[in-house]
Amino acid sequence: MSTVKYFLSACILLFFFVEHKAQIFPNGDFESGDATDVCHCPTGFTCVNDAGRVVDGIHPLFVLGKQGCVNNGTNYVSPLGAFNGTGYVYFYAGRDKITSRDIKFDEGQLVEMCVWYSGPQGAGELTQDTALAHFSFAIDGVRVGPGREVPTGTIWTQYCYTDTVTTGNHNFGIFSGGPAKYSMWFDGFSVVKLCDLPVIDLGRDTTLCSGETITLAATSPNTSCLWSDHSTDPTFITQQEGTYWVQVSNACGTVSDTVLIQLADSDCKVYTPNAFSPNWDNVNDQFAPLFHCAFSDYNFIVFDRWGGKVFHTNNPRKAWDGTFNGSVCPAGVYVYLVHYSIGGKMKVEKGSVVLMR
């Protein structure tokens, strides 16, 4: 038996660099919604407190804490209009917020959130405290990044913030800050994937036959690898059992995976008959060790009772036929010695066999 080399591309690495031109949720320009509701929220979003959608720059009356607005005929017109299209969102109080639907991410992701904002532009209740106007982004209902101040008279201005989300469902929002009453307007809300983290799959834990070799491969452009032995080559080759891990990094971050490799038949046994009868009747005519596993570096020797070598081979397919230099060896007890390597370890088996005539 010769050494078996078993090549398995068990580390599958995928890498993408994606710059999306469009937002990953629809209607980020807030162009659609239920027009029959004076305080309607844009389609695909949830509005809280006094947040609501503006159409053609016409605002219903702000009433603090009414979970929306009311319409008593005292509407006013924003002097700026929408940044894009005709629809945009207004905030009137410090507890206002708008949140997108859940977005599914199949892997960890670096995202960039952007929005156009403006305000306060006057108009509204006299008790507005415009000096406190500010907002921040939110992921899954939690504020992220620094608060953004909105000074009085701010024209349409873009603000962006980058963060990382994990695998799973996530929603994105804009939260106002502070308890005061003030007007802010938002348009062009987008969440953009900047790039993808590497995706690694070392596969299931596996078992190798003794002497087999496994090759783990982690090759992809613009990535670097670090294996459990601190090597950095894109491939890792081993015959040994153990737990192996790899860390793969790109511009978005680092991910890792682990695989357990075990050796089958690590206590490989050699079976030898205790007698044979080389009389050319095709029954027990030859003598050789029998293996039930893979091995290498094979060496099989047979000695007579005086220590003389009567047979030697490195070929595991070759057996002793009871002769020496073409002459028939006499009946009696002979000693054998077997050297072989399994799992990188040298082993020795020895014993005796009866040659029967």
Protein backbone atom coordinates (compact mmCIF):
# COMPACT_ATOMS: atom_id res chain seq x y z
CA MET A 1 0.00 0.00 0.00
CA SER A 2 1.35 3.40 -0.90
CA THR A 3 0.72 6.70 0.73
CA VAL A 4 -2.71 8.02 -0.13
CA LYS A 5 -2.96 11.72 -0.71
CA TYR A 6 -6.42 13.12 -0.11
CA PHE A 7 -6.96 16.66 -1.31
CA LEU A 8 -10.08 18.40 -0.06
CA SER A 9 -10.86 22.01 -0.78
CA ALA A 10 -12.62 22.35 2.53
CA CYS A 11 -12.05 26.05 3.09
CA ILE A 12 -14.38 27.84 0.71
CA LEU A 13 -13.77 31.55 0.70
CA LEU A 14 -15.98 34.05 -1.05
CA PHE A 15 -15.16 37.73 -1.38
CA PHE A 16 -17.15 40.53 -2.92
CA PHE A 17 -16.66 44.27 -2.97
CA VAL A 18 -19.96 45.88 -3.73
CA GLU A 19 -20.83 49.53 -3.94
CA HIS A 20 -24.56 49.80 -4.39
CA LYS A 21 -25.84 52.92 -6.08
CA ALA A 22 -29.33 52.49 -4.66
CA GLN A 23 -30.58 52.13 -1.12
CA ILE A 24 -31.22 48.63 0.16
CA PHE A 25 -34.77 49.51 1.17
CA PRO A 26 -37.35 51.10 -1.14
CA ASN A 27 -38.87 54.57 -0.89
CA GLY A 28 -35.93 56.27 0.82
CA ASP A 29 -37.08 59.47 -0.85
CA PHE A 30 -40.44 59.06 0.95
CA GLU A 31 -42.43 59.44 -2.25
CA SER A 32 -45.23 57.02 -1.37
CA GLY A 33 -47.71 56.68 1.47
CA ASP A 34 -51.37 56.77 2.39
CA ALA A 35 -52.52 60.15 1.09
CA THR A 36 -55.95 59.79 2.77
CA ASP A 37 -54.32 60.18 6.19
CA VAL A 38 -53.27 63.72 7.01
CA CYS A 39 -50.38 62.43 9.13
CA HIS A 40 -49.48 59.43 7.00
CA CYS A 41 -46.08 57.75 7.20
CA PRO A 42 -44.08 56.80 4.08
CA THR A 43 -44.63 53.30 2.74
CA GLY A 44 -42.22 50.77 4.24
CA PHE A 45 -41.48 52.84 7.34
CA THR A 46 -42.89 53.30 10.84
CA CYS A 47 -43.33 56.82 12.21
CA VAL A 48 -43.52 57.59 15.94
CA ASN A 49 -44.81 60.60 17.86
CA ASP A 50 -45.13 63.70 15.62
CA ALA A 51 -43.11 62.32 12.71
CA GLY A 52 -44.98 62.21 9.43
CA ARG A 53 -44.78 62.62 5.65
CA VAL A 54 -44.97 65.97 3.89
CA VAL A 55 -46.47 66.14 0.40
CA ASP A 56 -45.65 69.06 -1.89
CA GLY A 57 -44.26 70.99 1.07
CA ILE A 58 -47.65 71.33 2.81
CA HIS A 59 -47.44 70.56 6.53
CA PRO A 60 -50.41 69.76 8.75
CA LEU A 61 -50.45 71.56 12.09
CA PHE A 62 -47.86 70.29 14.59
CA VAL A 63 -49.35 69.30 17.92
CA LEU A 64 -46.81 68.01 20.42
CA GLY A 65 -47.35 64.52 21.81
CA LYS A 66 -50.44 63.67 19.75
CA GLN A 67 -48.71 60.61 18.23
CA GLY A 68 -48.85 62.39 14.90
CA CYS A 69 -50.45 65.58 13.75
CA VAL A 70 -53.91 67.05 13.45
CA ASN A 71 -55.49 69.04 10.70
CA ASN A 72 -57.50 72.05 11.84
CA GLY A 73 -57.00 74.11 8.74
CA THR A 74 -53.84 75.95 9.81
CA ASN A 75 -51.34 74.25 7.55
CA TYR A 76 -48.17 76.01 6.41
CA VAL A 77 -45.70 75.59 3.55
CA SER A 78 -42.00 74.76 3.96
CA PRO A 79 -39.84 77.37 2.19
CA LEU A 80 -37.42 74.70 0.90
CA GLY A 81 -39.64 71.99 -0.53
CA ALA A 82 -38.37 68.42 -0.92
CA PHE A 83 -34.74 67.68 -1.70
CA ASN A 84 -35.80 65.07 -4.26
CA GLY A 85 -39.28 64.65 -5.68
CA THR A 86 -42.26 65.90 -3.71
CA GLY A 87 -42.28 63.79 -0.53
CA TYR A 88 -40.20 64.14 2.60
CA VAL A 89 -40.53 63.61 6.36
CA TYR A 90 -40.91 66.15 9.12
CA PHE A 91 -39.99 65.85 12.81
CA TYR A 92 -41.51 68.25 15.30
CA ALA A 93 -40.44 66.99 18.72
CA GLY A 94 -37.56 65.39 20.57
CA ARG A 95 -39.14 61.94 20.64
CA ASP A 96 -39.91 61.73 16.92
CA LYS A 97 -38.45 58.93 14.85
CA ILE A 98 -38.86 57.02 11.61
CA THR A 99 -37.74 53.39 11.16
CA SER A 100 -37.39 51.18 8.09
CA ARG A 101 -38.71 47.67 7.75
CA ASP A 102 -36.35 44.77 8.59
CA ILE A 103 -33.62 44.07 6.03
CA LYS A 104 -32.01 40.60 5.88
CA PHE A 105 -28.22 40.34 5.79
CA ASP A 106 -26.77 36.95 4.88
CA GLU A 107 -23.40 37.84 6.39
CA GLY A 108 -21.68 40.56 8.38
CA GLN A 109 -21.77 43.81 6.47
CA LEU A 110 -20.22 47.25 6.50
CA VAL A 111 -23.00 49.76 5.73
CA GLU A 112 -23.13 53.48 5.11
CA MET A 113 -26.26 55.36 6.21
CA CYS A 114 -26.93 58.74 4.58
CA VAL A 115 -29.75 61.27 4.74
CA TRP A 116 -30.44 64.81 3.52
CA TYR A 117 -31.72 67.12 6.27
CA SER A 118 -32.78 70.74 6.74
CA GLY A 119 -34.45 73.01 9.34
CA PRO A 120 -35.58 74.60 11.55
CA GLN A 121 -37.20 77.14 9.21
CA GLY A 122 -39.57 78.89 11.62
CA ALA A 123 -43.34 78.34 11.29
CA GLY A 124 -44.98 76.19 13.92
CA GLU A 125 -45.77 76.76 17.56
CA LEU A 126 -44.19 79.78 19.20
CA THR A 127 -42.63 77.64 21.92
CA GLN A 128 -40.20 75.89 19.57
CA ASP A 129 -36.65 75.70 20.96
CA THR A 130 -34.78 75.60 17.67
CA ALA A 131 -31.38 75.83 19.35
CA LEU A 132 -31.70 72.18 20.48
CA ALA A 133 -32.54 70.67 17.09
CA HIS A 134 -30.47 67.57 16.43
CA PHE A 135 -30.82 63.96 15.27
CA SER A 136 -28.90 60.68 14.98
CA PHE A 137 -29.09 57.39 13.09
CA ALA A 138 -30.29 54.18 14.72
CA ILE A 139 -29.84 50.46 14.03
CA ASP A 140 -32.41 48.09 15.54
CA GLY A 141 -33.79 50.90 17.70
CA VAL A 142 -30.42 51.86 19.20
CA ARG A 143 -28.75 55.17 18.42
CA VAL A 144 -25.42 54.86 16.61
CA GLY A 145 -22.82 57.47 15.83
CA PRO A 146 -22.70 61.07 17.07
CA GLY A 147 -25.73 63.34 17.26
CA ARG A 148 -26.03 65.83 14.39
CA GLU A 149 -26.96 69.41 15.27
CA VAL A 150 -29.30 71.27 12.95
CA PRO A 151 -28.90 75.05 13.36
CA THR A 152 -31.79 77.34 12.51
CA GLY A 153 -32.01 78.02 8.81
CA THR A 154 -30.07 74.94 7.68
CA ILE A 155 -30.68 74.27 3.99
CA TRP A 156 -30.67 70.76 2.55
CA THR A 157 -27.42 69.11 3.75
CA GLN A 158 -26.26 65.50 3.59
CA TYR A 159 -24.96 63.54 6.57
CA CYS A 160 -23.49 60.00 6.42
CA TYR A 161 -22.31 57.51 9.02
CA THR A 162 -20.69 54.07 8.59
CA ASP A 163 -21.27 51.09 10.88
CA THR A 164 -21.19 47.29 10.80
CA VAL A 165 -24.16 44.94 11.09
CA THR A 166 -24.07 41.23 11.82
CA THR A 167 -25.78 38.38 10.00
CA GLY A 168 -29.56 38.52 10.42
CA ASN A 169 -32.42 41.02 10.16
CA HIS A 170 -31.83 44.69 10.92
CA ASN A 171 -33.81 47.91 10.65
CA PHE A 172 -32.50 51.44 10.25
CA GLY A 173 -33.90 54.68 11.52
CA ILE A 174 -33.55 58.40 12.18
CA PHE A 175 -34.14 59.56 15.76
CA SER A 176 -34.55 63.16 16.90
CA GLY A 177 -32.81 64.21 20.08
CA GLY A 178 -33.69 66.28 23.10
CA PRO A 179 -37.07 66.99 24.70
CA ALA A 180 -37.69 70.36 23.03
CA LYS A 181 -40.03 71.22 20.14
CA TYR A 182 -38.38 72.03 16.82
CA SER A 183 -38.87 71.33 13.11
CA MET A 184 -36.55 69.19 11.02
CA TRP A 185 -37.02 67.74 7.54
CA PHE A 186 -35.49 64.57 6.07
CA ASP A 187 -35.21 63.24 2.52
CA GLY A 188 -33.12 60.75 0.53
CA PHE A 189 -32.57 58.30 3.41
CA SER A 190 -30.33 55.44 2.20
CA VAL A 191 -28.37 52.50 3.56
CA VAL A 192 -25.59 51.34 1.24
CA LYS A 193 -23.43 48.21 1.40
CA LEU A 194 -19.80 49.27 1.14
CA CYS A 195 -18.31 45.78 1.01
CA ASP A 196 -18.81 42.26 2.27
CA LEU A 197 -16.86 40.43 4.93
CA PRO A 198 -15.24 37.20 3.73
CA VAL A 199 -17.42 34.11 4.04
CA ILE A 200 -15.53 31.04 5.27
CA ASP A 201 -16.73 27.46 5.46
CA LEU A 202 -14.14 24.91 6.57
CA GLY A 203 -16.83 22.29 6.29
CA ARG A 204 -17.87 19.71 8.82
CA ASP A 205 -15.44 18.02 11.16
CA THR A 206 -13.87 15.19 9.22
CA THR A 207 -11.98 11.92 9.65
CA LEU A 208 -8.97 10.93 7.58
CA CYS A 209 -7.75 7.44 6.94
CA SER A 210 -4.28 6.96 8.28
CA GLY A 211 -1.63 8.26 5.93
CA GLU A 212 -4.04 10.48 4.03
CA THR A 213 -3.33 14.17 3.51
CA ILE A 214 -5.85 16.98 3.67
CA THR A 215 -5.35 20.37 2.06
CA LEU A 216 -7.33 23.32 3.33
CA ALA A 217 -7.45 26.22 0.89
CA ALA A 218 -8.27 29.86 1.64
CA THR A 219 -7.45 31.74 -1.53
CA SER A 220 -9.17 34.92 -2.69
CA PRO A 221 -8.10 38.35 -3.94
CA ASN A 222 -7.56 41.15 -1.48
CA THR A 223 -7.63 38.93 1.61
CA SER A 224 -5.04 37.66 4.07
CA CYS A 225 -5.01 34.37 6.00
CA LEU A 226 -3.72 33.41 9.42
CA TRP A 227 -3.79 29.69 10.29
CA SER A 228 -3.66 28.09 13.72
CA ASP A 229 0.08 27.41 13.37
CA HIS A 230 0.60 31.15 12.57
CA SER A 231 1.36 30.42 8.92
CA THR A 232 -0.03 32.86 6.36
CA ASP A 233 -0.01 30.85 3.13
CA PRO A 234 -3.33 30.53 1.29
CA THR A 235 -3.26 26.74 1.78
CA PHE A 236 -2.67 24.51 4.79
CA ILE A 237 -1.67 20.83 4.47
CA THR A 238 -1.67 18.26 7.25
CA GLN A 239 -1.75 14.53 7.98
CA GLN A 240 -2.14 15.01 11.70
CA GLU A 241 -5.33 15.03 13.69
CA GLY A 242 -6.20 18.12 15.68
CA THR A 243 -8.30 21.28 15.72
CA TYR A 244 -7.39 23.77 13.00
CA TRP A 245 -8.63 27.33 12.53
CA VAL A 246 -8.12 30.09 10.02
CA GLN A 247 -8.74 33.83 10.19
CA VAL A 248 -9.39 35.61 6.90
CA SER A 249 -9.34 39.40 6.69
CA ASN A 250 -10.25 42.02 4.13
CA ALA A 251 -11.04 45.72 4.23
CA CYS A 252 -14.34 45.04 5.99
CA GLY A 253 -12.98 42.99 8.88
CA THR A 254 -11.94 39.52 9.98
CA VAL A 255 -13.90 36.27 10.13
CA SER A 256 -12.77 32.83 11.29
CA ASP A 257 -13.76 29.18 11.18
CA THR A 258 -12.57 25.98 12.85
CA VAL A 259 -12.52 22.32 11.81
CA LEU A 260 -11.68 19.18 13.79
CA ILE A 261 -9.68 16.51 11.95
CA GLN A 262 -9.41 13.00 13.38
CA LEU A 263 -7.54 9.94 12.17
CA ALA A 264 -9.46 6.75 11.61
CA ASP A 265 -7.72 3.61 12.78
CA SER A 266 -5.07 5.59 14.57
CA ASP A 267 -4.20 2.34 16.41
CA CYS A 268 -3.78 0.47 13.16
CA LYS A 269 -3.24 -3.24 13.73
CA VAL A 270 -1.28 -5.69 11.57
CA TYR A 271 -2.76 -9.14 11.21
CA THR A 272 -0.50 -12.09 10.37
CA PRO A 273 -1.34 -15.78 10.01
CA ASN A 274 0.52 -18.08 12.40
CA ALA A 275 1.23 -20.72 9.73
CA PHE A 276 1.27 -21.25 5.96
CA SER A 277 1.92 -24.18 3.62
CA PRO A 278 3.69 -23.22 0.37
CA ASN A 279 2.91 -26.40 -1.58
CA TRP A 280 1.49 -24.65 -4.66
CA ASP A 281 -2.07 -25.80 -4.13
CA ASN A 282 -3.26 -22.16 -4.09
CA VAL A 283 -4.27 -22.49 -0.42
CA ASN A 284 -2.13 -20.60 2.13
CA ASP A 285 0.82 -20.72 -0.24
CA GLN A 286 2.20 -17.30 0.77
CA PHE A 287 2.84 -15.36 3.96
CA ALA A 288 2.56 -11.56 4.45
CA PRO A 289 1.16 -9.12 7.00
CA LEU A 290 -2.43 -8.02 6.45
CA PHE A 291 -3.45 -4.40 7.08
CA HIS A 292 -6.90 -2.87 7.47
CA CYS A 293 -5.69 0.74 7.07
CA ALA A 294 -3.47 2.92 4.91
CA PHE A 295 0.25 3.14 5.68
CA SER A 296 3.61 4.08 4.16
CA ASP A 297 7.36 3.42 4.55
CA TYR A 298 6.80 -0.34 4.49
CA ASN A 299 9.59 -2.83 5.28
CA PHE A 300 8.94 -6.59 5.72
CA ILE A 301 11.73 -9.07 6.70
CA VAL A 302 11.67 -12.80 7.51
CA PHE A 303 14.49 -14.62 9.42
CA ASP A 304 15.22 -18.29 9.96
CA ARG A 305 15.84 -19.77 13.41
CA TRP A 306 19.54 -18.85 13.24
CA GLY A 307 18.86 -15.18 12.41
CA GLY A 308 19.59 -15.50 8.73
CA LYS A 309 17.50 -13.27 6.47
CA VAL A 310 15.48 -15.36 4.02
CA PHE A 311 13.11 -12.69 2.69
CA HIS A 312 12.97 -8.87 2.43
CA THR A 313 10.67 -6.47 0.58
CA ASN A 314 9.47 -2.88 0.63
CA ASN A 315 6.52 -3.73 -1.58
CA PRO A 316 3.36 -4.23 0.49
CA ARG A 317 1.86 -6.28 -2.35
CA LYS A 318 4.64 -8.86 -2.26
CA ALA A 319 4.49 -11.93 0.02
CA TRP A 320 6.99 -14.64 1.01
CA ASP A 321 6.51 -17.94 -0.87
CA GLY A 322 8.73 -20.03 1.44
CA THR A 323 11.84 -19.91 -0.73
CA PHE A 324 15.26 -18.30 -0.45
CA ASN A 325 17.40 -17.57 -3.51
CA GLY A 326 15.28 -20.01 -5.52
CA SER A 327 15.64 -22.84 -2.99
CA VAL A 328 12.79 -24.26 -0.91
CA CYS A 329 13.13 -23.42 2.75
CA PRO A 330 12.63 -26.28 5.20
CA ALA A 331 9.62 -26.59 7.45
CA GLY A 332 9.94 -24.93 10.81
CA VAL A 333 9.44 -21.71 12.75
CA TYR A 334 10.48 -18.38 11.17
CA VAL A 335 10.56 -14.92 12.68
CA TYR A 336 9.19 -11.84 10.88
CA LEU A 337 9.69 -8.10 11.41
CA VAL A 338 7.50 -5.34 9.91
CA HIS A 339 8.29 -1.61 9.93
CA TYR A 340 5.67 0.86 8.66
CA SER A 341 4.55 4.45 9.09
CA ILE A 342 1.03 5.55 9.93
CA GLY A 343 -0.09 9.09 10.65
CA GLY A 344 3.54 10.18 10.49
CA LYS A 345 4.54 7.75 13.24
CA MET A 346 6.84 4.76 12.76
CA LYS A 347 5.56 1.43 14.08
CA VAL A 348 7.15 -2.03 14.45
CA GLU A 349 5.37 -5.40 14.49
CA LYS A 350 7.16 -8.71 15.05
CA GLY A 351 6.24 -12.35 15.59
CA SER A 352 6.69 -15.88 14.30
CA VAL A 353 5.12 -18.08 11.66
CA VAL A 354 5.23 -21.86 11.09
CA LEU A 355 6.18 -22.99 7.59
CA MET A 356 4.49 -26.34 6.98
CA ARG A 357 5.54 -28.87 4.32
